[in-house]
Amino acid sequence: MGGRWGQTRSYTSYFAYCLWQVVGERRAEHKFLLTAWAFLPDHWHAILYPPYPLTISRVMEAIKDGATKRMRRQRREFGTLF
């Protein structure tokens, strides 16, 4: 691939790549069914079905938390987010 993501690709592409990686990791961890997704420049959509007793809220929390942490590491941002 060559170079760091920030040097060779737009940050939007990098963030989509991070999200794609995290969704795959969380699917392996939580075993939810993902039937569709769409990445847009400033947000994304997904249709997913978590196995009982897991909830959609918990799956989304796991995805958003993982993606945010990964992106912040890439941007070298540290400290409290909220």
PDB file of N, CA and C in Angstrom:
ATOM      1  N   MET A   1       0.809  -1.186   0.000  1.00  0.00           N
ATOM      2  CA  MET A   1       0.000   0.000   0.000  1.00  0.00           C
ATOM      3  C   MET A   1       0.854   1.252   0.000  1.00  0.00           C
ATOM      4  N   GLY A   2       1.907   1.222   0.707  1.00  0.00           N
ATOM      5  CA  GLY A   2       2.825   2.341   0.701  1.00  0.00           C
ATOM      6  C   GLY A   2       2.341   3.542   1.483  1.00  0.00           C
ATOM      7  N   GLY A   3       3.165   4.002   2.396  1.00  0.00           N
ATOM      8  CA  GLY A   3       2.866   5.221   3.138  1.00  0.00           C
ATOM      9  C   GLY A   3       1.782   5.045   4.184  1.00  0.00           C
ATOM     10  N   ARG A   4       1.596   6.106   4.940  1.00  0.00           N
ATOM     11  CA  ARG A   4       0.528   6.115   5.936  1.00  0.00           C
ATOM     12  C   ARG A   4      -0.774   6.497   5.257  1.00  0.00           C
ATOM     13  N   TRP A   5      -1.885   6.116   5.868  1.00  0.00           N
ATOM     14  CA  TRP A   5      -3.192   6.413   5.277  1.00  0.00           C
ATOM     15  C   TRP A   5      -3.375   7.898   5.037  1.00  0.00           C
ATOM     16  N   GLY A   6      -2.992   8.736   5.999  1.00  0.00           N
ATOM     17  CA  GLY A   6      -3.189  10.170   5.858  1.00  0.00           C
ATOM     18  C   GLY A   6      -2.399  10.766   4.709  1.00  0.00           C
ATOM     19  N   GLN A   7      -1.353  10.097   4.289  1.00  0.00           N
ATOM     20  CA  GLN A   7      -0.525  10.611   3.207  1.00  0.00           C
ATOM     21  C   GLN A   7      -0.984  10.108   1.842  1.00  0.00           C
ATOM     22  N   THR A   8      -1.621   8.954   1.790  1.00  0.00           N
ATOM     23  CA  THR A   8      -1.949   8.346   0.505  1.00  0.00           C
ATOM     24  C   THR A   8      -3.430   8.306   0.188  1.00  0.00           C
ATOM     25  N   ARG A   9      -4.278   8.469   1.172  1.00  0.00           N
ATOM     26  CA  ARG A   9      -5.723   8.387   0.963  1.00  0.00           C
ATOM     27  C   ARG A   9      -6.397   9.478   1.785  1.00  0.00           C
ATOM     28  N   SER A  10      -7.584   9.827   1.401  1.00  0.00           N
ATOM     29  CA  SER A  10      -8.312  10.831   2.178  1.00  0.00           C
ATOM     30  C   SER A  10      -8.691  10.243   3.533  1.00  0.00           C
ATOM     31  N   TYR A  11      -8.882  11.126   4.501  1.00  0.00           N
ATOM     32  CA  TYR A  11      -9.299  10.647   5.816  1.00  0.00           C
ATOM     33  C   TYR A  11     -10.668   9.993   5.745  1.00  0.00           C
ATOM     34  N   THR A  12     -11.553  10.456   4.860  1.00  0.00           N
ATOM     35  CA  THR A  12     -12.860   9.820   4.713  1.00  0.00           C
ATOM     36  C   THR A  12     -12.689   8.356   4.341  1.00  0.00           C
ATOM     37  N   SER A  13     -11.792   8.066   3.429  1.00  0.00           N
ATOM     38  CA  SER A  13     -11.529   6.682   3.040  1.00  0.00           C
ATOM     39  C   SER A  13     -10.958   5.899   4.207  1.00  0.00           C
ATOM     40  N   TYR A  14     -10.057   6.516   4.945  1.00  0.00           N
ATOM     41  CA  TYR A  14      -9.468   5.823   6.090  1.00  0.00           C
ATOM     42  C   TYR A  14     -10.527   5.516   7.139  1.00  0.00           C
ATOM     43  N   PHE A  15     -11.398   6.474   7.430  1.00  0.00           N
ATOM     44  CA  PHE A  15     -12.435   6.245   8.426  1.00  0.00           C
ATOM     45  C   PHE A  15     -13.388   5.138   7.989  1.00  0.00           C
ATOM     46  N   ALA A  16     -13.741   5.107   6.719  1.00  0.00           N
ATOM     47  CA  ALA A  16     -14.591   4.030   6.204  1.00  0.00           C
ATOM     48  C   ALA A  16     -13.878   2.693   6.356  1.00  0.00           C
ATOM     49  N   TYR A  17     -12.575   2.668   6.087  1.00  0.00           N
ATOM     50  CA  TYR A  17     -11.786   1.447   6.241  1.00  0.00           C
ATOM     51  C   TYR A  17     -11.761   1.001   7.703  1.00  0.00           C
ATOM     52  N   CYS A  18     -11.561   1.930   8.633  1.00  0.00           N
ATOM     53  CA  CYS A  18     -11.590   1.601  10.062  1.00  0.00           C
ATOM     54  C   CYS A  18     -12.940   1.022  10.456  1.00  0.00           C
ATOM     55  N   LEU A  19     -13.998   1.677  10.022  1.00  0.00           N
ATOM     56  CA  LEU A  19     -15.335   1.203  10.347  1.00  0.00           C
ATOM     57  C   LEU A  19     -15.572  -0.184   9.781  1.00  0.00           C
ATOM     58  N   TRP A  20     -15.157  -0.415   8.542  1.00  0.00           N
ATOM     59  CA  TRP A  20     -15.298  -1.720   7.908  1.00  0.00           C
ATOM     60  C   TRP A  20     -14.560  -2.792   8.719  1.00  0.00           C
ATOM     61  N   GLN A  21     -13.348  -2.487   9.175  1.00  0.00           N
ATOM     62  CA  GLN A  21     -12.587  -3.438   9.982  1.00  0.00           C
ATOM     63  C   GLN A  21     -13.295  -3.733  11.303  1.00  0.00           C
ATOM     64  N   VAL A  22     -13.743  -2.684  11.978  1.00  0.00           N
ATOM     65  CA  VAL A  22     -14.392  -2.857  13.280  1.00  0.00           C
ATOM     66  C   VAL A  22     -15.701  -3.631  13.143  1.00  0.00           C
ATOM     67  N   VAL A  23     -16.483  -3.351  12.124  1.00  0.00           N
ATOM     68  CA  VAL A  23     -17.731  -4.109  11.917  1.00  0.00           C
ATOM     69  C   VAL A  23     -17.410  -5.596  11.773  1.00  0.00           C
ATOM     70  N   GLY A  24     -16.395  -5.925  10.998  1.00  0.00           N
ATOM     71  CA  GLY A  24     -16.003  -7.326  10.842  1.00  0.00           C
ATOM     72  C   GLY A  24     -15.565  -7.954  12.150  1.00  0.00           C
ATOM     73  N   GLU A  25     -14.785  -7.217  12.937  1.00  0.00           N
ATOM     74  CA  GLU A  25     -14.334  -7.730  14.234  1.00  0.00           C
ATOM     75  C   GLU A  25     -15.500  -7.939  15.189  1.00  0.00           C
ATOM     76  N   ARG A  26     -16.424  -6.985  15.212  1.00  0.00           N
ATOM     77  CA  ARG A  26     -17.572  -7.117  16.121  1.00  0.00           C
ATOM     78  C   ARG A  26     -18.534  -8.215  15.661  1.00  0.00           C
ATOM     79  N   ARG A  27     -18.642  -8.437  14.359  1.00  0.00           N
ATOM     80  CA  ARG A  27     -19.464  -9.561  13.875  1.00  0.00           C
ATOM     81  C   ARG A  27     -18.881 -10.882  14.370  1.00  0.00           C
ATOM     82  N   ALA A  28     -17.574 -11.018  14.297  1.00  0.00           N
ATOM     83  CA  ALA A  28     -16.931 -12.244  14.771  1.00  0.00           C
ATOM     84  C   ALA A  28     -17.124 -12.409  16.279  1.00  0.00           C
ATOM     85  N   GLU A  29     -17.067 -11.314  16.997  1.00  0.00           N
ATOM     86  CA  GLU A  29     -17.195 -11.348  18.456  1.00  0.00           C
ATOM     87  C   GLU A  29     -18.631 -11.587  18.911  1.00  0.00           C
ATOM     88  N   HIS A  30     -19.582 -10.875  18.321  1.00  0.00           N
ATOM     89  CA  HIS A  30     -20.969 -10.895  18.798  1.00  0.00           C
ATOM     90  C   HIS A  30     -21.905 -11.767  17.966  1.00  0.00           C
ATOM     91  N   LYS A  31     -21.455 -12.251  16.817  1.00  0.00           N
ATOM     92  CA  LYS A  31     -22.230 -13.182  15.975  1.00  0.00           C
ATOM     93  C   LYS A  31     -23.554 -12.602  15.476  1.00  0.00           C
ATOM     94  N   PHE A  32     -23.588 -11.310  15.163  1.00  0.00           N
ATOM     95  CA  PHE A  32     -24.824 -10.737  14.618  1.00  0.00           C
ATOM     96  C   PHE A  32     -24.830 -10.870  13.099  1.00  0.00           C
ATOM     97  N   LEU A  33     -26.030 -10.891  12.549  1.00  0.00           N
ATOM     98  CA  LEU A  33     -26.219 -10.975  11.108  1.00  0.00           C
ATOM     99  C   LEU A  33     -26.241  -9.567  10.530  1.00  0.00           C
ATOM    100  N   LEU A  34     -25.439  -9.324   9.530  1.00  0.00           N
ATOM    101  CA  LEU A  34     -25.402  -8.040   8.839  1.00  0.00           C
ATOM    102  C   LEU A  34     -25.909  -8.277   7.422  1.00  0.00           C
ATOM    103  N   THR A  35     -27.082  -7.719   7.101  1.00  0.00           N
ATOM    104  CA  THR A  35     -27.677  -7.993   5.793  1.00  0.00           C
ATOM    105  C   THR A  35     -27.406  -6.904   4.772  1.00  0.00           C
ATOM    106  N   ALA A  36     -27.140  -5.673   5.232  1.00  0.00           N
ATOM    107  CA  ALA A  36     -26.849  -4.575   4.304  1.00  0.00           C
ATOM    108  C   ALA A  36     -26.140  -3.467   5.053  1.00  0.00           C
ATOM    109  N   TRP A  37     -25.318  -2.719   4.321  1.00  0.00           N
ATOM    110  CA  TRP A  37     -24.703  -1.528   4.883  1.00  0.00           C
ATOM    111  C   TRP A  37     -24.323  -0.587   3.763  1.00  0.00           C
ATOM    112  N   ALA A  38     -24.198   0.684   4.119  1.00  0.00           N
ATOM    113  CA  ALA A  38     -23.788   1.709   3.160  1.00  0.00           C
ATOM    114  C   ALA A  38     -22.950   2.737   3.904  1.00  0.00           C
ATOM    115  N   PHE A  39     -21.769   3.000   3.391  1.00  0.00           N
ATOM    116  CA  PHE A  39     -20.899   4.039   3.945  1.00  0.00           C
ATOM    117  C   PHE A  39     -21.066   5.294   3.107  1.00  0.00           C
ATOM    118  N   LEU A  40     -21.350   6.397   3.752  1.00  0.00           N
ATOM    119  CA  LEU A  40     -21.458   7.687   3.086  1.00  0.00           C
ATOM    120  C   LEU A  40     -20.361   8.592   3.662  1.00  0.00           C
ATOM    121  N   PRO A  41     -20.111   9.734   3.061  1.00  0.00           N
ATOM    122  CA  PRO A  41     -19.002  10.577   3.525  1.00  0.00           C
ATOM    123  C   PRO A  41     -19.078  10.981   4.999  1.00  0.00           C
ATOM    124  N   ASP A  42     -20.283  11.186   5.530  1.00  0.00           N
ATOM    125  CA  ASP A  42     -20.363  11.655   6.909  1.00  0.00           C
ATOM    126  C   ASP A  42     -21.209  10.780   7.838  1.00  0.00           C
ATOM    127  N   HIS A  43     -21.665   9.645   7.367  1.00  0.00           N
ATOM    128  CA  HIS A  43     -22.407   8.711   8.218  1.00  0.00           C
ATOM    129  C   HIS A  43     -22.530   7.367   7.502  1.00  0.00           C
ATOM    130  N   TRP A  44     -23.179   6.414   8.164  1.00  0.00           N
ATOM    131  CA  TRP A  44     -23.355   5.110   7.554  1.00  0.00           C
ATOM    132  C   TRP A  44     -24.685   4.515   7.997  1.00  0.00           C
ATOM    133  N   HIS A  45     -25.149   3.540   7.244  1.00  0.00           N
ATOM    134  CA  HIS A  45     -26.390   2.833   7.540  1.00  0.00           C
ATOM    135  C   HIS A  45     -26.105   1.338   7.566  1.00  0.00           C
ATOM    136  N   ALA A  46     -26.869   0.605   8.373  1.00  0.00           N
ATOM    137  CA  ALA A  46     -26.726  -0.847   8.413  1.00  0.00           C
ATOM    138  C   ALA A  46     -28.053  -1.479   8.813  1.00  0.00           C
ATOM    139  N   ILE A  47     -28.277  -2.669   8.302  1.00  0.00           N
ATOM    140  CA  ILE A  47     -29.392  -3.502   8.749  1.00  0.00           C
ATOM    141  C   ILE A  47     -28.753  -4.726   9.375  1.00  0.00           C
ATOM    142  N   LEU A  48     -28.956  -4.860  10.676  1.00  0.00           N
ATOM    143  CA  LEU A  48     -28.333  -5.975  11.385  1.00  0.00           C
ATOM    144  C   LEU A  48     -29.307  -6.604  12.368  1.00  0.00           C
ATOM    145  N   TYR A  49     -29.051  -7.867  12.642  1.00  0.00           N
ATOM    146  CA  TYR A  49     -29.904  -8.656  13.531  1.00  0.00           C
ATOM    147  C   TYR A  49     -29.037  -9.362  14.556  1.00  0.00           C
ATOM    148  N   PRO A  50     -29.014  -8.850  15.793  1.00  0.00           N
ATOM    149  CA  PRO A  50     -28.213  -9.503  16.824  1.00  0.00           C
ATOM    150  C   PRO A  50     -28.947 -10.721  17.395  1.00  0.00           C
ATOM    151  N   PRO A  51     -28.196 -11.728  17.798  1.00  0.00           N
ATOM    152  CA  PRO A  51     -28.835 -12.889  18.435  1.00  0.00           C
ATOM    153  C   PRO A  51     -29.294 -12.536  19.853  1.00  0.00           C
ATOM    154  N   TYR A  52     -30.414 -13.095  20.256  1.00  0.00           N
ATOM    155  CA  TYR A  52     -30.918 -12.888  21.612  1.00  0.00           C
ATOM    156  C   TYR A  52     -29.904 -13.439  22.601  1.00  0.00           C
ATOM    157  N   PRO A  53     -29.616 -12.778  23.687  1.00  0.00           N
ATOM    158  CA  PRO A  53     -30.209 -11.575  24.273  1.00  0.00           C
ATOM    159  C   PRO A  53     -29.490 -10.274  23.882  1.00  0.00           C
ATOM    160  N   LEU A  54     -28.558 -10.338  22.967  1.00  0.00           N
ATOM    161  CA  LEU A  54     -27.855  -9.141  22.516  1.00  0.00           C
ATOM    162  C   LEU A  54     -28.840  -8.180  21.849  1.00  0.00           C
ATOM    163  N   THR A  55     -28.642  -6.883  22.062  1.00  0.00           N
ATOM    164  CA  THR A  55     -29.538  -5.879  21.477  1.00  0.00           C
ATOM    165  C   THR A  55     -28.832  -5.091  20.380  1.00  0.00           C
ATOM    166  N   ILE A  56     -29.622  -4.464  19.523  1.00  0.00           N
ATOM    167  CA  ILE A  56     -29.063  -3.600  18.487  1.00  0.00           C
ATOM    168  C   ILE A  56     -28.263  -2.469  19.131  1.00  0.00           C
ATOM    169  N   SER A  57     -28.768  -1.935  20.231  1.00  0.00           N
ATOM    170  CA  SER A  57     -28.059  -0.861  20.924  1.00  0.00           C
ATOM    171  C   SER A  57     -26.670  -1.292  21.362  1.00  0.00           C
ATOM    172  N   ARG A  58     -26.563  -2.497  21.892  1.00  0.00           N
ATOM    173  CA  ARG A  58     -25.253  -2.987  22.357  1.00  0.00           C
ATOM    174  C   ARG A  58     -24.307  -3.194  21.175  1.00  0.00           C
ATOM    175  N   VAL A  59     -24.814  -3.727  20.073  1.00  0.00           N
ATOM    176  CA  VAL A  59     -23.976  -3.935  18.887  1.00  0.00           C
ATOM    177  C   VAL A  59     -23.483  -2.585  18.360  1.00  0.00           C
ATOM    178  N   MET A  60     -24.379  -1.611  18.261  1.00  0.00           N
ATOM    179  CA  MET A  60     -23.989  -0.292  17.761  1.00  0.00           C
ATOM    180  C   MET A  60     -22.979   0.368  18.689  1.00  0.00           C
ATOM    181  N   GLU A  61     -23.174   0.214  19.979  1.00  0.00           N
ATOM    182  CA  GLU A  61     -22.221   0.759  20.947  1.00  0.00           C
ATOM    183  C   GLU A  61     -20.834   0.146  20.741  1.00  0.00           C
ATOM    184  N   ALA A  62     -20.790  -1.158  20.558  1.00  0.00           N
ATOM    185  CA  ALA A  62     -19.504  -1.841  20.364  1.00  0.00           C
ATOM    186  C   ALA A  62     -18.825  -1.384  19.074  1.00  0.00           C
ATOM    187  N   ILE A  63     -19.591  -1.218  18.013  1.00  0.00           N
ATOM    188  CA  ILE A  63     -19.031  -0.768  16.735  1.00  0.00           C
ATOM    189  C   ILE A  63     -18.536   0.671  16.844  1.00  0.00           C
ATOM    190  N   LYS A  64     -19.377   1.552  17.351  1.00  0.00           N
ATOM    191  CA  LYS A  64     -19.007   2.965  17.439  1.00  0.00           C
ATOM    192  C   LYS A  64     -17.824   3.177  18.373  1.00  0.00           C
ATOM    193  N   ASP A  65     -17.802   2.477  19.496  1.00  0.00           N
ATOM    194  CA  ASP A  65     -16.700   2.598  20.444  1.00  0.00           C
ATOM    195  C   ASP A  65     -15.388   2.131  19.804  1.00  0.00           C
ATOM    196  N   GLY A  66     -15.431   0.978  19.163  1.00  0.00           N
ATOM    197  CA  GLY A  66     -14.221   0.448  18.533  1.00  0.00           C
ATOM    198  C   GLY A  66     -13.714   1.324  17.402  1.00  0.00           C
ATOM    199  N   ALA A  67     -14.613   1.812  16.566  1.00  0.00           N
ATOM    200  CA  ALA A  67     -14.204   2.655  15.441  1.00  0.00           C
ATOM    201  C   ALA A  67     -13.657   3.995  15.927  1.00  0.00           C
ATOM    202  N   THR A  68     -14.302   4.581  16.920  1.00  0.00           N
ATOM    203  CA  THR A  68     -13.831   5.862  17.451  1.00  0.00           C
ATOM    204  C   THR A  68     -12.441   5.725  18.047  1.00  0.00           C
ATOM    205  N   LYS A  69     -12.226   4.682  18.831  1.00  0.00           N
ATOM    206  CA  LYS A  69     -10.904   4.480  19.437  1.00  0.00           C
ATOM    207  C   LYS A  69      -9.837   4.262  18.371  1.00  0.00           C
ATOM    208  N   ARG A  70     -10.148   3.492  17.361  1.00  0.00           N
ATOM    209  CA  ARG A  70      -9.176   3.232  16.292  1.00  0.00           C
ATOM    210  C   ARG A  70      -8.840   4.510  15.525  1.00  0.00           C
ATOM    211  N   MET A  71      -9.850   5.295  15.204  1.00  0.00           N
ATOM    212  CA  MET A  71      -9.615   6.538  14.464  1.00  0.00           C
ATOM    213  C   MET A  71      -8.833   7.549  15.306  1.00  0.00           C
ATOM    214  N   ARG A  72      -9.132   7.616  16.582  1.00  0.00           N
ATOM    215  CA  ARG A  72      -8.415   8.547  17.455  1.00  0.00           C
ATOM    216  C   ARG A  72      -6.951   8.140  17.596  1.00  0.00           C
ATOM    217  N   ARG A  73      -6.685   6.847  17.642  1.00  0.00           N
ATOM    218  CA  ARG A  73      -5.283   6.393  17.684  1.00  0.00           C
ATOM    219  C   ARG A  73      -4.552   6.819  16.421  1.00  0.00           C
ATOM    220  N   GLN A  74      -5.196   6.643  15.277  1.00  0.00           N
ATOM    221  CA  GLN A  74      -4.590   7.020  14.004  1.00  0.00           C
ATOM    222  C   GLN A  74      -4.280   8.520  13.956  1.00  0.00           C
ATOM    223  N   ARG A  75      -5.178   9.312  14.491  1.00  0.00           N
ATOM    224  CA  ARG A  75      -4.996  10.763  14.469  1.00  0.00           C
ATOM    225  C   ARG A  75      -4.167  11.260  15.643  1.00  0.00           C
ATOM    226  N   ARG A  76      -3.729  10.325  16.482  1.00  0.00           N
ATOM    227  CA  ARG A  76      -2.930  10.636  17.671  1.00  0.00           C
ATOM    228  C   ARG A  76      -3.659  11.611  18.603  1.00  0.00           C
ATOM    229  N   GLU A  77      -4.937  11.332  18.806  1.00  0.00           N
ATOM    230  CA  GLU A  77      -5.751  12.123  19.722  1.00  0.00           C
ATOM    231  C   GLU A  77      -5.898  11.329  21.006  1.00  0.00           C
ATOM    232  N   PHE A  78      -5.655  11.967  22.122  1.00  0.00           N
ATOM    233  CA  PHE A  78      -5.711  11.291  23.399  1.00  0.00           C
ATOM    234  C   PHE A  78      -6.542  12.108  24.373  1.00  0.00           C
ATOM    235  N   GLY A  79      -6.908  11.487  25.468  1.00  0.00           N
ATOM    236  CA  GLY A  79      -7.678  12.174  26.494  1.00  0.00           C
ATOM    237  C   GLY A  79      -9.151  11.797  26.431  1.00  0.00           C
ATOM    238  N   THR A  80      -9.924  12.495  27.216  1.00  0.00           N
ATOM    239  CA  THR A  80     -11.347  12.226  27.319  1.00  0.00           C
ATOM    240  C   THR A  80     -12.075  12.715  26.071  1.00  0.00           C
ATOM    241  N   LEU A  81     -12.940  11.873  25.550  1.00  0.00           N
ATOM    242  CA  LEU A  81     -13.705  12.239  24.366  1.00  0.00           C
ATOM    243  C   LEU A  81     -14.929  13.074  24.756  1.00  0.00           C
ATOM    244  N   PHE A  82     -15.628  12.655  25.810  1.00  0.00           N
ATOM    245  CA  PHE A  82     -16.822  13.389  26.255  1.00  0.00           C
ATOM    246  C   PHE A  82     -16.656  13.818  27.677  1.00  0.00           C
TER     247      PHE A  82
END
